Amino acid sequence: MIVGGDVGGTKTLLGLFEPDADRPRAVATHSYATSEHRRVGEILDEFKRAIGPVAIDAAAIGVAGPVVGNAARLTNVSWDIAASEIAAGLGTQRVQVLNDLEALAASVEALTAEDLCVLQPGVERADGNGAVIAAGTGLGEALLHRVEGRLQPVPSEAGHADFAARTEREIELVRMLRERYGRAEVEHVLSGPGLLNVHRFTHRGGECEMLSGVEDAQMPARISQAGLGGRCQQCADALRMFVSAYGAEAGNLALRAVATSGVYVGGGIAPKILPALRTGSFMDAFLAKEPLRELLQQMPVKVIVNPEAGLLGAAIRARELLKVG
């Protein structure tokens, strides 16, 4: 048996899988609130008690932060995660710690039509590269390089690169972000907290009755709901700005990867705002890259709607560890 894990700033998923030939099959999946635990070892202990006395042959854990030397420090949570701690917790020496977007990208070739929502069909090239972008608690990006016929994930920390303003309003937004943070990075706009920043911008410091009495962690979801439902015009404006910026950044990534095999939009936010992504503003911003608009029009663009795709990708990586010996 193998274990896949997806450790995010908000929640942590752990799954026990059978390493089937085509797609690892989940036997048990458990979700934990990341902030309610002091370290990953506590969650591993709970997971082991839940699954019972099962021999674990390999494990791969995707984490929201840069990975160096099979260890990582989470960006948005004060956690350090090392392969040695996971090995001790699960009783196996075959352990890999990988970036969460690398894990998500590892799932792409195993995803089915049911796992995806098409924004642009494009023409998928069997010899091309791909890319994954995912906004949630933070923003992650990964490239998929075509190597010997397979897509190989390459992690990045592009979410912490500088945000590229395209309009006068976005330039004003950058000024606000610089005053607040000292610089404007992509994640300051494209993430749950980023949507809250855009909301502050569209409300210009005024109160929003839609957020009255709402806990901080629930504010991005409430803004999205109010924007989708048209219950608050400033919330709707914030969501439009968010979606347009998301499409523009996805287009930037598509160009950097030359993603003729497809661009995949993952993370927790995209499935919740699908109606907004389908309005056309996401794809309009994605394609607004002259002189390469025609190239971008040929790239498939799909939203990953399977909430456990990152977990699946980690399980695929764990299965690969079995081949190492």
Protein backbone atom coordinates (compact mmCIF):
# COMPACT_ATOMS: atom_id res chain seq x y z
CA MET A 1 0.00 0.00 0.00
CA ILE A 2 1.10 3.59 -0.59
CA VAL A 3 0.22 6.95 0.95
CA GLY A 4 -0.33 10.24 -0.83
CA GLY A 5 -0.58 13.56 0.97
CA ASP A 6 -1.56 17.14 0.13
CA VAL A 7 -0.57 19.62 2.84
CA GLY A 8 -2.04 23.08 2.27
CA GLY A 9 -2.34 26.24 4.28
CA THR A 10 -5.99 25.50 5.10
CA LYS A 11 -6.40 21.74 5.05
CA THR A 12 -4.33 18.58 4.79
CA LEU A 13 -5.47 15.50 2.89
CA LEU A 14 -3.95 12.06 3.42
CA GLY A 15 -4.94 9.00 1.47
CA LEU A 16 -4.19 5.29 1.52
CA PHE A 17 -3.95 3.89 -2.02
CA GLU A 18 -3.57 0.64 -3.84
CA PRO A 19 -0.91 1.23 -6.54
CA ASP A 20 -3.00 0.07 -9.50
CA ALA A 21 -1.40 0.08 -12.94
CA ASP A 22 -3.29 3.00 -14.50
CA ARG A 23 -4.45 5.17 -11.62
CA PRO A 24 -3.81 4.55 -7.91
CA ARG A 25 -7.07 3.56 -6.20
CA ALA A 26 -7.99 5.33 -2.97
CA VAL A 27 -8.87 2.95 -0.14
CA ALA A 28 -9.27 5.63 2.54
CA THR A 29 -9.01 9.42 2.48
CA HIS A 30 -8.95 11.69 5.53
CA SER A 31 -9.04 15.49 5.80
CA TYR A 32 -7.53 17.56 8.62
CA ALA A 33 -7.54 21.27 9.44
CA THR A 34 -3.89 22.26 9.07
CA SER A 35 -3.99 25.16 11.55
CA GLU A 36 -5.37 22.93 14.31
CA HIS A 37 -2.13 20.94 14.45
CA ARG A 38 1.37 21.94 15.50
CA ARG A 39 3.22 19.76 13.01
CA VAL A 40 2.64 17.16 10.34
CA GLY A 41 3.60 14.37 12.76
CA GLU A 42 0.40 14.93 14.74
CA ILE A 43 -1.67 14.46 11.59
CA LEU A 44 0.28 11.34 10.63
CA ASP A 45 -0.46 9.87 14.06
CA GLU A 46 -4.19 10.51 13.61
CA PHE A 47 -4.07 9.05 10.12
CA LYS A 48 -2.31 5.89 11.27
CA ARG A 49 -4.93 5.35 13.96
CA ALA A 50 -7.67 5.82 11.37
CA ILE A 51 -6.32 3.33 8.82
CA GLY A 52 -5.23 0.72 11.36
CA PRO A 53 -2.30 -1.70 11.12
CA VAL A 54 -1.42 -1.40 7.44
CA ALA A 55 2.09 -1.85 6.02
CA ILE A 56 3.08 1.27 4.04
CA ASP A 57 5.52 0.65 1.19
CA ALA A 58 6.01 4.26 0.02
CA ALA A 59 4.69 7.78 0.64
CA ALA A 60 4.78 11.10 -1.18
CA ILE A 61 3.55 14.33 0.40
CA GLY A 62 2.88 17.52 -1.55
CA VAL A 63 3.43 20.66 0.52
CA ALA A 64 2.65 24.33 -0.10
CA GLY A 65 6.19 25.66 -0.08
CA PRO A 66 9.62 25.31 -1.70
CA VAL A 67 11.24 21.87 -1.30
CA VAL A 68 15.00 21.57 -0.87
CA GLY A 69 16.75 18.34 0.07
CA ASN A 70 13.52 16.38 0.60
CA ALA A 71 12.36 18.91 3.20
CA ALA A 72 10.26 22.05 3.14
CA ARG A 73 9.00 25.00 5.15
CA LEU A 74 5.39 25.87 4.38
CA THR A 75 4.94 29.41 3.11
CA ASN A 76 1.65 30.27 4.81
CA VAL A 77 1.92 28.03 7.91
CA SER A 78 4.74 27.86 10.47
CA TRP A 79 5.60 24.24 9.71
CA ASP A 80 8.77 22.45 8.73
CA ILE A 81 8.26 19.10 6.99
CA ALA A 82 11.08 16.62 6.42
CA ALA A 83 11.08 13.19 4.81
CA SER A 84 12.63 11.75 7.98
CA GLU A 85 9.58 12.75 10.07
CA ILE A 86 7.20 11.23 7.53
CA ALA A 87 9.31 8.06 7.35
CA ALA A 88 9.18 7.70 11.12
CA GLY A 89 5.44 8.39 11.24
CA LEU A 90 4.47 5.93 8.50
CA GLY A 91 7.17 3.30 8.95
CA THR A 92 8.66 3.41 5.47
CA GLN A 93 11.96 4.70 4.11
CA ARG A 94 10.55 5.33 0.62
CA VAL A 95 9.40 8.93 1.14
CA GLN A 96 9.35 11.98 -1.07
CA VAL A 97 8.45 15.53 -0.09
CA LEU A 98 7.43 17.56 -3.14
CA ASN A 99 5.89 20.93 -3.87
CA ASP A 100 2.09 20.79 -3.88
CA LEU A 101 1.88 22.09 -7.47
CA GLU A 102 4.37 19.47 -8.56
CA ALA A 103 2.04 16.88 -7.01
CA LEU A 104 -1.00 18.43 -8.70
CA ALA A 105 0.83 18.49 -12.03
CA ALA A 106 1.73 14.81 -11.60
CA SER A 107 -1.98 13.99 -11.72
CA VAL A 108 -2.64 15.61 -15.10
CA GLU A 109 -2.06 12.57 -17.31
CA ALA A 110 -4.30 10.47 -15.04
CA LEU A 111 -7.25 12.90 -15.04
CA THR A 112 -10.42 11.96 -16.91
CA ALA A 113 -13.11 14.09 -18.55
CA GLU A 114 -15.11 13.93 -15.31
CA ASP A 115 -12.22 15.60 -13.47
CA LEU A 116 -12.10 18.56 -15.86
CA CYS A 117 -14.15 21.48 -17.16
CA VAL A 118 -13.10 22.84 -20.55
CA LEU A 119 -12.73 26.61 -20.98
CA GLN A 120 -11.03 26.36 -24.37
CA PRO A 121 -10.82 23.06 -26.30
CA GLY A 122 -7.78 24.05 -28.35
CA VAL A 123 -5.76 21.37 -30.12
CA GLU A 124 -3.80 19.20 -27.69
CA ARG A 125 -0.38 18.28 -29.04
CA ALA A 126 1.07 14.94 -28.02
CA ASP A 127 4.59 16.36 -28.32
CA GLY A 128 3.99 19.59 -26.39
CA ASN A 129 4.51 20.90 -22.89
CA GLY A 130 1.84 21.75 -20.34
CA ALA A 131 1.34 24.00 -17.34
CA VAL A 132 -0.67 24.12 -14.11
CA ILE A 133 -1.77 27.19 -12.16
CA ALA A 134 -3.74 26.98 -8.92
CA ALA A 135 -5.09 29.68 -6.63
CA GLY A 136 -6.21 28.73 -3.13
CA THR A 137 -4.77 29.80 0.20
CA GLY A 138 -1.79 30.84 -1.92
CA LEU A 139 -0.93 30.69 -5.62
CA GLY A 140 1.09 27.90 -7.17
CA GLU A 141 2.41 27.30 -10.66
CA ALA A 142 4.19 24.37 -12.26
CA LEU A 143 5.47 23.58 -15.72
CA LEU A 144 5.05 20.21 -17.42
CA HIS A 145 7.98 19.46 -19.71
CA ARG A 146 7.60 16.74 -22.33
CA VAL A 147 10.41 14.22 -21.76
CA GLU A 148 10.49 10.94 -23.70
CA GLY A 149 6.79 11.20 -24.42
CA ARG A 150 5.67 11.88 -20.82
CA LEU A 151 4.85 15.14 -19.04
CA GLN A 152 7.35 15.72 -16.23
CA PRO A 153 6.35 18.28 -13.56
CA VAL A 154 8.75 21.11 -12.76
CA PRO A 155 7.87 23.07 -9.60
CA SER A 156 8.24 26.81 -9.17
CA GLU A 157 7.60 29.60 -6.68
CA ALA A 158 6.11 31.85 -9.36
CA GLY A 159 3.27 32.87 -7.05
CA HIS A 160 5.77 35.07 -5.24
CA ALA A 161 6.98 36.77 -8.41
CA ASP A 162 6.00 40.37 -9.08
CA PHE A 163 2.41 41.04 -10.14
CA ALA A 164 2.23 42.49 -13.66
CA ALA A 165 -0.38 45.26 -13.86
CA ARG A 166 -2.05 45.63 -17.28
CA THR A 167 -4.54 48.47 -16.76
CA GLU A 168 -4.75 51.79 -14.95
CA ARG A 169 -6.94 50.19 -12.28
CA GLU A 170 -4.42 47.40 -11.74
CA ILE A 171 -1.66 50.01 -11.44
CA GLU A 172 -3.73 51.63 -8.69
CA LEU A 173 -4.13 48.21 -7.08
CA VAL A 174 -0.36 47.73 -7.17
CA ARG A 175 0.08 51.06 -5.38
CA MET A 176 -2.27 49.89 -2.63
CA LEU A 177 -0.46 46.56 -2.33
CA ARG A 178 2.94 48.25 -2.15
CA GLU A 179 1.70 50.46 0.66
CA ARG A 180 0.41 47.41 2.51
CA TYR A 181 3.18 44.86 1.84
CA GLY A 182 6.16 46.78 0.48
CA ARG A 183 5.79 45.04 -2.90
CA ALA A 184 3.05 43.54 -5.03
CA GLU A 185 3.42 39.84 -5.75
CA VAL A 186 1.08 37.66 -7.80
CA GLU A 187 -0.22 35.87 -4.70
CA HIS A 188 -1.30 39.21 -3.23
CA VAL A 189 -3.96 39.23 -5.96
CA LEU A 190 -4.52 35.61 -7.00
CA SER A 191 -5.36 33.69 -3.82
CA GLY A 192 -8.02 33.70 -1.14
CA PRO A 193 -6.28 36.51 0.75
CA GLY A 194 -5.60 38.12 -2.64
CA LEU A 195 -9.31 38.27 -3.43
CA LEU A 196 -9.77 40.00 -0.08
CA ASN A 197 -7.11 42.53 -1.15
CA VAL A 198 -8.97 43.19 -4.41
CA HIS A 199 -12.19 43.52 -2.39
CA ARG A 200 -10.53 46.18 -0.20
CA PHE A 201 -9.51 47.99 -3.38
CA THR A 202 -12.98 47.98 -4.95
CA HIS A 203 -14.55 49.13 -1.68
CA ARG A 204 -11.90 51.84 -1.23
CA GLY A 205 -11.76 51.29 2.53
CA GLY A 206 -15.52 51.39 2.97
CA GLU A 207 -17.53 48.79 4.83
CA CYS A 208 -19.13 45.82 3.06
CA GLU A 209 -22.26 44.54 4.69
CA MET A 210 -21.71 41.15 3.03
CA LEU A 211 -18.73 40.59 5.36
CA SER A 212 -20.45 41.67 8.56
CA GLY A 213 -19.79 39.05 11.24
CA VAL A 214 -17.91 36.77 8.83
CA GLU A 215 -14.73 35.04 10.08
CA ASP A 216 -11.53 35.93 8.23
CA ALA A 217 -11.14 32.45 6.73
CA GLN A 218 -14.64 32.62 5.22
CA MET A 219 -14.35 36.09 3.71
CA PRO A 220 -13.03 35.09 0.24
CA ALA A 221 -15.87 32.59 -0.18
CA ARG A 222 -18.44 35.17 0.92
CA ILE A 223 -17.01 37.73 -1.54
CA SER A 224 -17.21 35.18 -4.36
CA GLN A 225 -20.80 34.27 -3.49
CA ALA A 226 -21.85 37.92 -3.28
CA GLY A 227 -20.12 38.67 -6.58
CA LEU A 228 -21.62 35.68 -8.38
CA GLY A 229 -25.09 36.45 -7.04
CA GLY A 230 -24.90 40.16 -7.80
CA ARG A 231 -25.79 41.01 -4.19
CA CYS A 232 -22.98 43.55 -3.93
CA GLN A 233 -21.72 45.50 -6.95
CA GLN A 234 -18.30 46.13 -5.42
CA CYS A 235 -17.96 42.40 -4.67
CA ALA A 236 -18.94 41.66 -8.27
CA ASP A 237 -16.32 44.19 -9.41
CA ALA A 238 -13.69 42.52 -7.21
CA LEU A 239 -14.52 39.11 -8.67
CA ARG A 240 -14.30 40.46 -12.23
CA MET A 241 -10.87 41.97 -11.52
CA PHE A 242 -9.74 38.71 -9.91
CA VAL A 243 -10.91 36.56 -12.83
CA SER A 244 -9.30 38.84 -15.42
CA ALA A 245 -5.99 38.89 -13.54
CA TYR A 246 -6.18 35.10 -13.17
CA GLY A 247 -6.63 34.68 -16.91
CA ALA A 248 -3.74 37.04 -17.64
CA GLU A 249 -1.38 35.18 -15.31
CA ALA A 250 -2.48 31.83 -16.77
CA GLY A 251 -1.64 33.24 -20.21
CA ASN A 252 1.77 34.38 -18.97
CA LEU A 253 2.46 30.86 -17.69
CA ALA A 254 1.22 29.34 -20.95
CA LEU A 255 3.75 31.41 -22.88
CA ARG A 256 6.60 30.59 -20.51
CA ALA A 257 5.86 26.87 -20.84
CA VAL A 258 4.76 26.96 -24.51
CA ALA A 259 1.92 24.81 -23.17
CA THR A 260 0.64 23.28 -26.39
CA SER A 261 -0.44 20.17 -24.48
CA GLY A 262 -2.71 22.22 -22.26
CA VAL A 263 -3.06 24.65 -19.39
CA TYR A 264 -4.74 23.30 -16.26
CA VAL A 265 -6.36 25.60 -13.69
CA GLY A 266 -6.46 23.91 -10.29
CA GLY A 267 -6.72 24.93 -6.65
CA GLY A 268 -9.69 25.43 -4.38
CA ILE A 269 -11.02 28.67 -5.85
CA ALA A 270 -11.55 27.87 -9.55
CA PRO A 271 -14.28 25.20 -9.13
CA LYS A 272 -16.21 27.53 -6.82
CA ILE A 273 -16.25 30.40 -9.33
CA LEU A 274 -16.78 28.43 -12.55
CA PRO A 275 -19.65 30.66 -13.70
CA ALA A 276 -17.32 33.67 -13.51
CA LEU A 277 -14.54 31.81 -15.33
CA ARG A 278 -16.99 30.97 -18.11
CA THR A 279 -18.11 34.56 -18.72
CA GLY A 280 -15.26 35.12 -21.15
CA SER A 281 -13.15 37.59 -19.16
CA PHE A 282 -10.72 34.85 -18.07
CA MET A 283 -10.09 33.69 -21.63
CA ASP A 284 -10.07 37.25 -22.99
CA ALA A 285 -7.19 38.09 -20.64
CA PHE A 286 -5.51 34.75 -21.35
CA LEU A 287 -5.49 35.46 -25.09
CA ALA A 288 -4.54 39.16 -24.95
CA LYS A 289 -0.87 38.47 -25.73
CA GLU A 290 -0.19 39.81 -29.20
CA PRO A 291 1.66 38.83 -31.30
CA LEU A 292 1.12 35.27 -29.95
CA ARG A 293 -2.66 35.26 -29.63
CA GLU A 294 -2.99 32.61 -32.35
CA LEU A 295 -0.60 30.29 -30.49
CA LEU A 296 -2.58 30.71 -27.28
CA GLN A 297 -5.86 30.00 -29.09
CA GLN A 298 -4.54 26.53 -29.95
CA MET A 299 -3.80 25.64 -26.32
CA PRO A 300 -6.43 23.61 -24.42
CA VAL A 301 -7.45 25.33 -21.17
CA LYS A 302 -9.19 23.21 -18.54
CA VAL A 303 -10.28 23.66 -14.92
CA ILE A 304 -9.51 20.76 -12.58
CA VAL A 305 -12.74 20.15 -10.66
CA ASN A 306 -11.56 17.04 -8.79
CA PRO A 307 -10.74 18.36 -5.27
CA GLU A 308 -8.39 15.43 -4.66
CA ALA A 309 -6.28 15.78 -7.79
CA GLY A 310 -3.24 16.88 -5.77
CA LEU A 311 -3.65 13.83 -3.54
CA LEU A 312 -3.85 11.62 -6.62
CA GLY A 313 -0.68 13.17 -8.02
CA ALA A 314 1.15 12.53 -4.75
CA ALA A 315 0.00 8.90 -4.85
CA ILE A 316 1.33 8.60 -8.40
CA ARG A 317 4.70 9.87 -7.15
CA ALA A 318 4.59 7.41 -4.24
CA ARG A 319 3.97 4.59 -6.70
CA GLU A 320 7.04 5.65 -8.68
CA LEU A 321 9.13 5.26 -5.51
CA LEU A 322 8.32 1.53 -5.53
CA LYS A 323 10.31 1.19 -8.76
CA VAL A 324 13.44 2.67 -7.14
CA GLY A 325 13.84 -0.24 -4.76
